[in-house]
Amino acid sequence: MNLYRVVLSVAQAAQLNTGRQIKAEVVAHSRLDAALIAEGAADVTLNRPDIEYTHAVSVIPVNKQAPAMSVAA
């Protein structure tokens, strides 16, 4: 798992760019997974979820490994 910095653009209906952006850091297996995770998390925070949505415009790997998940027994 790696850490990715994702930049999302907020779209509204057919208007692909409203000028609003959301930036997030996401732990994922790949750049595609990072984009999908960030989009899903950001979509639920929008003011008008009936007509607004996000799409990734940039996914950049961060040069540090994400901390390993550990499970207590």
PDB file of N, CA and C in Angstrom:
ATOM      1  N   MET A   1       0.850  -1.180   0.000  1.00  0.00           N
ATOM      2  CA  MET A   1       0.000   0.000   0.000  1.00  0.00           C
ATOM      3  C   MET A   1       0.895   1.241   0.000  1.00  0.00           C
ATOM      4  N   ASN A   2       0.478   2.212  -0.788  1.00  0.00           N
ATOM      5  CA  ASN A   2       1.229   3.454  -0.909  1.00  0.00           C
ATOM      6  C   ASN A   2       0.330   4.642  -0.611  1.00  0.00           C
ATOM      7  N   LEU A   3       0.965   5.762  -0.352  1.00  0.00           N
ATOM      8  CA  LEU A   3       0.251   6.998  -0.093  1.00  0.00           C
ATOM      9  C   LEU A   3       0.222   7.828  -1.372  1.00  0.00           C
ATOM     10  N   TYR A   4      -0.969   8.326  -1.727  1.00  0.00           N
ATOM     11  CA  TYR A   4      -1.145   9.134  -2.934  1.00  0.00           C
ATOM     12  C   TYR A   4      -1.803  10.457  -2.584  1.00  0.00           C
ATOM     13  N   ARG A   5      -1.399  11.517  -3.282  1.00  0.00           N
ATOM     14  CA  ARG A   5      -2.039  12.823  -3.155  1.00  0.00           C
ATOM     15  C   ARG A   5      -2.969  12.969  -4.363  1.00  0.00           C
ATOM     16  N   VAL A   6      -4.257  13.142  -4.098  1.00  0.00           N
ATOM     17  CA  VAL A   6      -5.258  13.183  -5.159  1.00  0.00           C
ATOM     18  C   VAL A   6      -5.895  14.577  -5.203  1.00  0.00           C
ATOM     19  N   VAL A   7      -5.973  15.147  -6.398  1.00  0.00           N
ATOM     20  CA  VAL A   7      -6.668  16.415  -6.613  1.00  0.00           C
ATOM     21  C   VAL A   7      -7.949  16.087  -7.370  1.00  0.00           C
ATOM     22  N   LEU A   8      -9.069  16.503  -6.796  1.00  0.00           N
ATOM     23  CA  LEU A   8     -10.374  16.251  -7.396  1.00  0.00           C
ATOM     24  C   LEU A   8     -10.993  17.562  -7.859  1.00  0.00           C
ATOM     25  N   SER A   9     -11.659  17.520  -8.979  1.00  0.00           N
ATOM     26  CA  SER A   9     -12.415  18.669  -9.482  1.00  0.00           C
ATOM     27  C   SER A   9     -13.889  18.403  -9.211  1.00  0.00           C
ATOM     28  N   VAL A  10     -14.592  19.428  -8.781  1.00  0.00           N
ATOM     29  CA  VAL A  10     -16.026  19.290  -8.512  1.00  0.00           C
ATOM     30  C   VAL A  10     -16.782  19.679  -9.776  1.00  0.00           C
ATOM     31  N   ALA A  11     -17.638  18.776 -10.240  1.00  0.00           N
ATOM     32  CA  ALA A  11     -18.450  19.016 -11.431  1.00  0.00           C
ATOM     33  C   ALA A  11     -19.913  19.131 -11.019  1.00  0.00           C
ATOM     34  N   GLN A  12     -20.684  19.820 -11.839  1.00  0.00           N
ATOM     35  CA  GLN A  12     -22.102  20.002 -11.546  1.00  0.00           C
ATOM     36  C   GLN A  12     -22.880  19.730 -12.827  1.00  0.00           C
ATOM     37  N   ALA A  13     -23.650  18.633 -12.813  1.00  0.00           N
ATOM     38  CA  ALA A  13     -24.432  18.199 -13.973  1.00  0.00           C
ATOM     39  C   ALA A  13     -23.520  18.122 -15.192  1.00  0.00           C
ATOM     40  N   ALA A  14     -23.808  18.866 -16.250  1.00  0.00           N
ATOM     41  CA  ALA A  14     -22.997  18.801 -17.470  1.00  0.00           C
ATOM     42  C   ALA A  14     -21.798  19.743 -17.436  1.00  0.00           C
ATOM     43  N   GLN A  15     -21.701  20.586 -16.427  1.00  0.00           N
ATOM     44  CA  GLN A  15     -20.566  21.508 -16.296  1.00  0.00           C
ATOM     45  C   GLN A  15     -19.417  20.759 -15.630  1.00  0.00           C
ATOM     46  N   LEU A  16     -18.398  20.389 -16.421  1.00  0.00           N
ATOM     47  CA  LEU A  16     -17.341  19.524 -15.917  1.00  0.00           C
ATOM     48  C   LEU A  16     -16.400  20.190 -14.930  1.00  0.00           C
ATOM     49  N   ASN A  17     -16.327  21.499 -14.925  1.00  0.00           N
ATOM     50  CA  ASN A  17     -15.418  22.167 -14.003  1.00  0.00           C
ATOM     51  C   ASN A  17     -16.099  23.398 -13.418  1.00  0.00           C
ATOM     52  N   THR A  18     -16.398  23.339 -12.145  1.00  0.00           N
ATOM     53  CA  THR A  18     -17.014  24.476 -11.463  1.00  0.00           C
ATOM     54  C   THR A  18     -15.966  25.423 -10.893  1.00  0.00           C
ATOM     55  N   GLY A  19     -14.694  25.047 -10.997  1.00  0.00           N
ATOM     56  CA  GLY A  19     -13.620  25.854 -10.430  1.00  0.00           C
ATOM     57  C   GLY A  19     -13.275  25.448  -9.005  1.00  0.00           C
ATOM     58  N   ARG A  20     -14.058  24.541  -8.437  1.00  0.00           N
ATOM     59  CA  ARG A  20     -13.790  24.080  -7.071  1.00  0.00           C
ATOM     60  C   ARG A  20     -12.948  22.806  -7.121  1.00  0.00           C
ATOM     61  N   GLN A  21     -12.000  22.705  -6.193  1.00  0.00           N
ATOM     62  CA  GLN A  21     -11.157  21.523  -6.103  1.00  0.00           C
ATOM     63  C   GLN A  21     -11.110  21.034  -4.662  1.00  0.00           C
ATOM     64  N   ILE A  22     -10.914  19.741  -4.526  1.00  0.00           N
ATOM     65  CA  ILE A  22     -10.724  19.110  -3.226  1.00  0.00           C
ATOM     66  C   ILE A  22      -9.420  18.335  -3.314  1.00  0.00           C
ATOM     67  N   LYS A  23      -8.571  18.471  -2.290  1.00  0.00           N
ATOM     68  CA  LYS A  23      -7.307  17.729  -2.250  1.00  0.00           C
ATOM     69  C   LYS A  23      -7.370  16.732  -1.102  1.00  0.00           C
ATOM     70  N   ALA A  24      -6.858  15.522  -1.355  1.00  0.00           N
ATOM     71  CA  ALA A  24      -6.895  14.480  -0.334  1.00  0.00           C
ATOM     72  C   ALA A  24      -5.649  13.603  -0.447  1.00  0.00           C
ATOM     73  N   GLU A  25      -5.251  13.029   0.677  1.00  0.00           N
ATOM     74  CA  GLU A  25      -4.202  12.012   0.679  1.00  0.00           C
ATOM     75  C   GLU A  25      -4.862  10.686   1.006  1.00  0.00           C
ATOM     76  N   VAL A  26      -4.552   9.674   0.206  1.00  0.00           N
ATOM     77  CA  VAL A  26      -5.241   8.390   0.275  1.00  0.00           C
ATOM     78  C   VAL A  26      -4.226   7.259   0.291  1.00  0.00           C
ATOM     79  N   VAL A  27      -4.475   6.243   1.091  1.00  0.00           N
ATOM     80  CA  VAL A  27      -3.672   5.029   1.101  1.00  0.00           C
ATOM     81  C   VAL A  27      -4.370   4.017   0.191  1.00  0.00           C
ATOM     82  N   ALA A  28      -3.632   3.516  -0.816  1.00  0.00           N
ATOM     83  CA  ALA A  28      -4.232   2.594  -1.780  1.00  0.00           C
ATOM     84  C   ALA A  28      -3.158   1.719  -2.419  1.00  0.00           C
ATOM     85  N   HIS A  29      -3.619   0.693  -3.131  1.00  0.00           N
ATOM     86  CA  HIS A  29      -2.697  -0.218  -3.825  1.00  0.00           C
ATOM     87  C   HIS A  29      -2.184   0.374  -5.135  1.00  0.00           C
ATOM     88  N   SER A  30      -2.986   1.199  -5.802  1.00  0.00           N
ATOM     89  CA  SER A  30      -2.594   1.749  -7.097  1.00  0.00           C
ATOM     90  C   SER A  30      -3.164   3.158  -7.261  1.00  0.00           C
ATOM     91  N   ARG A  31      -2.726   3.824  -8.326  1.00  0.00           N
ATOM     92  CA  ARG A  31      -3.228   5.174  -8.602  1.00  0.00           C
ATOM     93  C   ARG A  31      -4.725   5.150  -8.897  1.00  0.00           C
ATOM     94  N   LEU A  32      -5.177   4.132  -9.618  1.00  0.00           N
ATOM     95  CA  LEU A  32      -6.603   4.025  -9.925  1.00  0.00           C
ATOM     96  C   LEU A  32      -7.415   3.826  -8.655  1.00  0.00           C
ATOM     97  N   ASP A  33      -6.950   2.937  -7.777  1.00  0.00           N
ATOM     98  CA  ASP A  33      -7.636   2.732  -6.497  1.00  0.00           C
ATOM     99  C   ASP A  33      -7.688   4.023  -5.684  1.00  0.00           C
ATOM    100  N   ALA A  34      -6.582   4.768  -5.689  1.00  0.00           N
ATOM    101  CA  ALA A  34      -6.534   6.033  -4.942  1.00  0.00           C
ATOM    102  C   ALA A  34      -7.567   7.014  -5.482  1.00  0.00           C
ATOM    103  N   ALA A  35      -7.688   7.097  -6.803  1.00  0.00           N
ATOM    104  CA  ALA A  35      -8.665   8.005  -7.408  1.00  0.00           C
ATOM    105  C   ALA A  35     -10.081   7.603  -7.021  1.00  0.00           C
ATOM    106  N   LEU A  36     -10.390   6.319  -7.095  1.00  0.00           N
ATOM    107  CA  LEU A  36     -11.736   5.846  -6.776  1.00  0.00           C
ATOM    108  C   LEU A  36     -12.086   6.047  -5.304  1.00  0.00           C
ATOM    109  N   ILE A  37     -11.131   5.792  -4.418  1.00  0.00           N
ATOM    110  CA  ILE A  37     -11.358   5.979  -2.981  1.00  0.00           C
ATOM    111  C   ILE A  37     -11.601   7.458  -2.673  1.00  0.00           C
ATOM    112  N   ALA A  38     -10.754   8.327  -3.235  1.00  0.00           N
ATOM    113  CA  ALA A  38     -10.898   9.773  -2.987  1.00  0.00           C
ATOM    114  C   ALA A  38     -12.215  10.301  -3.538  1.00  0.00           C
ATOM    115  N   GLU A  39     -12.586   9.869  -4.740  1.00  0.00           N
ATOM    116  CA  GLU A  39     -13.857  10.320  -5.327  1.00  0.00           C
ATOM    117  C   GLU A  39     -15.040   9.880  -4.470  1.00  0.00           C
ATOM    118  N   GLY A  40     -15.034   8.627  -4.030  1.00  0.00           N
ATOM    119  CA  GLY A  40     -16.136   8.123  -3.207  1.00  0.00           C
ATOM    120  C   GLY A  40     -16.263   8.870  -1.895  1.00  0.00           C
ATOM    121  N   ALA A  41     -15.119   9.149  -1.261  1.00  0.00           N
ATOM    122  CA  ALA A  41     -15.142   9.861   0.022  1.00  0.00           C
ATOM    123  C   ALA A  41     -15.584  11.309  -0.160  1.00  0.00           C
ATOM    124  N   ALA A  42     -15.153  11.953  -1.236  1.00  0.00           N
ATOM    125  CA  ALA A  42     -15.487  13.357  -1.458  1.00  0.00           C
ATOM    126  C   ALA A  42     -16.934  13.541  -1.905  1.00  0.00           C
ATOM    127  N   ASP A  43     -17.455  12.607  -2.677  1.00  0.00           N
ATOM    128  CA  ASP A  43     -18.828  12.746  -3.185  1.00  0.00           C
ATOM    129  C   ASP A  43     -19.858  12.862  -2.063  1.00  0.00           C
ATOM    130  N   VAL A  44     -19.635  12.188  -0.954  1.00  0.00           N
ATOM    131  CA  VAL A  44     -20.611  12.245   0.148  1.00  0.00           C
ATOM    132  C   VAL A  44     -20.547  13.555   0.925  1.00  0.00           C
ATOM    133  N   THR A  45     -19.528  14.374   0.672  1.00  0.00           N
ATOM    134  CA  THR A  45     -19.385  15.638   1.399  1.00  0.00           C
ATOM    135  C   THR A  45     -19.928  16.837   0.607  1.00  0.00           C
ATOM    136  N   LEU A  46     -20.382  16.620  -0.607  1.00  0.00           N
ATOM    137  CA  LEU A  46     -20.830  17.725  -1.454  1.00  0.00           C
ATOM    138  C   LEU A  46     -22.164  18.294  -0.990  1.00  0.00           C
ATOM    139  N   ASN A  47     -22.364  19.584  -1.237  1.00  0.00           N
ATOM    140  CA  ASN A  47     -23.599  20.262  -0.826  1.00  0.00           C
ATOM    141  C   ASN A  47     -24.818  19.804  -1.615  1.00  0.00           C
ATOM    142  N   ARG A  48     -24.642  19.494  -2.889  1.00  0.00           N
ATOM    143  CA  ARG A  48     -25.749  19.115  -3.768  1.00  0.00           C
ATOM    144  C   ARG A  48     -25.450  17.748  -4.388  1.00  0.00           C
ATOM    145  N   PRO A  49     -25.488  16.668  -3.626  1.00  0.00           N
ATOM    146  CA  PRO A  49     -25.114  15.351  -4.165  1.00  0.00           C
ATOM    147  C   PRO A  49     -26.036  14.864  -5.277  1.00  0.00           C
ATOM    148  N   ASP A  50     -27.204  15.487  -5.419  1.00  0.00           N
ATOM    149  CA  ASP A  50     -28.108  15.094  -6.496  1.00  0.00           C
ATOM    150  C   ASP A  50     -27.608  15.542  -7.870  1.00  0.00           C
ATOM    151  N   ILE A  51     -26.810  16.629  -7.923  1.00  0.00           N
ATOM    152  CA  ILE A  51     -26.300  17.091  -9.216  1.00  0.00           C
ATOM    153  C   ILE A  51     -24.787  17.313  -9.240  1.00  0.00           C
ATOM    154  N   GLU A  52     -24.119  17.245  -8.085  1.00  0.00           N
ATOM    155  CA  GLU A  52     -22.664  17.443  -8.033  1.00  0.00           C
ATOM    156  C   GLU A  52     -21.950  16.110  -7.878  1.00  0.00           C
ATOM    157  N   TYR A  53     -20.751  16.049  -8.430  1.00  0.00           N
ATOM    158  CA  TYR A  53     -19.896  14.880  -8.268  1.00  0.00           C
ATOM    159  C   TYR A  53     -18.447  15.316  -8.440  1.00  0.00           C
ATOM    160  N   THR A  54     -17.524  14.448  -8.074  1.00  0.00           N
ATOM    161  CA  THR A  54     -16.108  14.763  -8.220  1.00  0.00           C
ATOM    162  C   THR A  54     -15.476  13.810  -9.225  1.00  0.00           C
ATOM    163  N   HIS A  55     -14.373  14.265  -9.807  1.00  0.00           N
ATOM    164  CA  HIS A  55     -13.562  13.381 -10.629  1.00  0.00           C
ATOM    165  C   HIS A  55     -12.102  13.759 -10.431  1.00  0.00           C
ATOM    166  N   ALA A  56     -11.257  12.737 -10.426  1.00  0.00           N
ATOM    167  CA  ALA A  56      -9.833  12.945 -10.170  1.00  0.00           C
ATOM    168  C   ALA A  56      -9.180  13.601 -11.387  1.00  0.00           C
ATOM    169  N   VAL A  57      -8.388  14.629 -11.136  1.00  0.00           N
ATOM    170  CA  VAL A  57      -7.631  15.272 -12.205  1.00  0.00           C
ATOM    171  C   VAL A  57      -6.131  15.046 -12.042  1.00  0.00           C
ATOM    172  N   SER A  58      -5.710  14.601 -10.851  1.00  0.00           N
ATOM    173  CA  SER A  58      -4.299  14.340 -10.604  1.00  0.00           C
ATOM    174  C   SER A  58      -4.160  13.333  -9.465  1.00  0.00           C
ATOM    175  N   VAL A  59      -3.327  12.316  -9.691  1.00  0.00           N
ATOM    176  CA  VAL A  59      -3.009  11.342  -8.646  1.00  0.00           C
ATOM    177  C   VAL A  59      -1.494  11.187  -8.636  1.00  0.00           C
ATOM    178  N   ILE A  60      -0.872  11.647  -7.549  1.00  0.00           N
ATOM    179  CA  ILE A  60       0.587  11.656  -7.462  1.00  0.00           C
ATOM    180  C   ILE A  60       1.036  10.815  -6.273  1.00  0.00           C
ATOM    181  N   PRO A  61       1.938   9.850  -6.499  1.00  0.00           N
ATOM    182  CA  PRO A  61       2.454   9.078  -5.365  1.00  0.00           C
ATOM    183  C   PRO A  61       3.303   9.963  -4.457  1.00  0.00           C
ATOM    184  N   VAL A  62       3.130   9.785  -3.156  1.00  0.00           N
ATOM    185  CA  VAL A  62       3.952  10.473  -2.167  1.00  0.00           C
ATOM    186  C   VAL A  62       5.120   9.542  -1.866  1.00  0.00           C
ATOM    187  N   ASN A  63       6.307  10.084  -1.674  1.00  0.00           N
ATOM    188  CA  ASN A  63       7.520   9.272  -1.580  1.00  0.00           C
ATOM    189  C   ASN A  63       7.714   8.515  -0.287  1.00  0.00           C
ATOM    190  N   LYS A  64       6.688   8.353   0.484  1.00  0.00           N
ATOM    191  CA  LYS A  64       6.851   7.570   1.706  1.00  0.00           C
ATOM    192  C   LYS A  64       5.827   6.441   1.709  1.00  0.00           C
ATOM    193  N   GLN A  65       6.212   5.316   2.256  1.00  0.00           N
ATOM    194  CA  GLN A  65       5.306   4.175   2.356  1.00  0.00           C
ATOM    195  C   GLN A  65       4.260   4.454   3.421  1.00  0.00           C
ATOM    196  N   ALA A  66       3.059   4.004   3.176  1.00  0.00           N
ATOM    197  CA  ALA A  66       1.999   4.147   4.183  1.00  0.00           C
ATOM    198  C   ALA A  66       2.294   3.192   5.332  1.00  0.00           C
ATOM    199  N   PRO A  67       1.921   3.548   6.554  1.00  0.00           N
ATOM    200  CA  PRO A  67       2.164   2.652   7.685  1.00  0.00           C
ATOM    201  C   PRO A  67       1.393   1.351   7.510  1.00  0.00           C
ATOM    202  N   ALA A  68       2.024   0.274   7.907  1.00  0.00           N
ATOM    203  CA  ALA A  68       1.401  -1.049   7.782  1.00  0.00           C
ATOM    204  C   ALA A  68       0.255  -1.164   8.789  1.00  0.00           C
ATOM    205  N   MET A  69      -0.802  -1.792   8.376  1.00  0.00           N
ATOM    206  CA  MET A  69      -1.953  -2.026   9.254  1.00  0.00           C
ATOM    207  C   MET A  69      -1.653  -3.266  10.099  1.00  0.00           C
ATOM    208  N   SER A  70      -1.902  -3.177  11.360  1.00  0.00           N
ATOM    209  CA  SER A  70      -1.695  -4.346  12.223  1.00  0.00           C
ATOM    210  C   SER A  70      -3.002  -4.687  12.926  1.00  0.00           C
ATOM    211  N   VAL A  71      -3.190  -5.966  13.145  1.00  0.00           N
ATOM    212  CA  VAL A  71      -4.405  -6.444  13.783  1.00  0.00           C
ATOM    213  C   VAL A  71      -4.013  -7.108  15.096  1.00  0.00           C
ATOM    214  N   ALA A  72      -4.635  -6.668  16.180  1.00  0.00           N
ATOM    215  CA  ALA A  72      -4.349  -7.267  17.485  1.00  0.00           C
ATOM    216  C   ALA A  72      -5.067  -8.602  17.588  1.00  0.00           C
ATOM    217  N   ALA A  73      -4.395  -9.568  18.145  1.00  0.00           N
ATOM    218  CA  ALA A  73      -4.995 -10.909  18.272  1.00  0.00           C
ATOM    219  C   ALA A  73      -5.789 -11.037  19.530  1.00  0.00           C
TER     220      ALA A  73
END
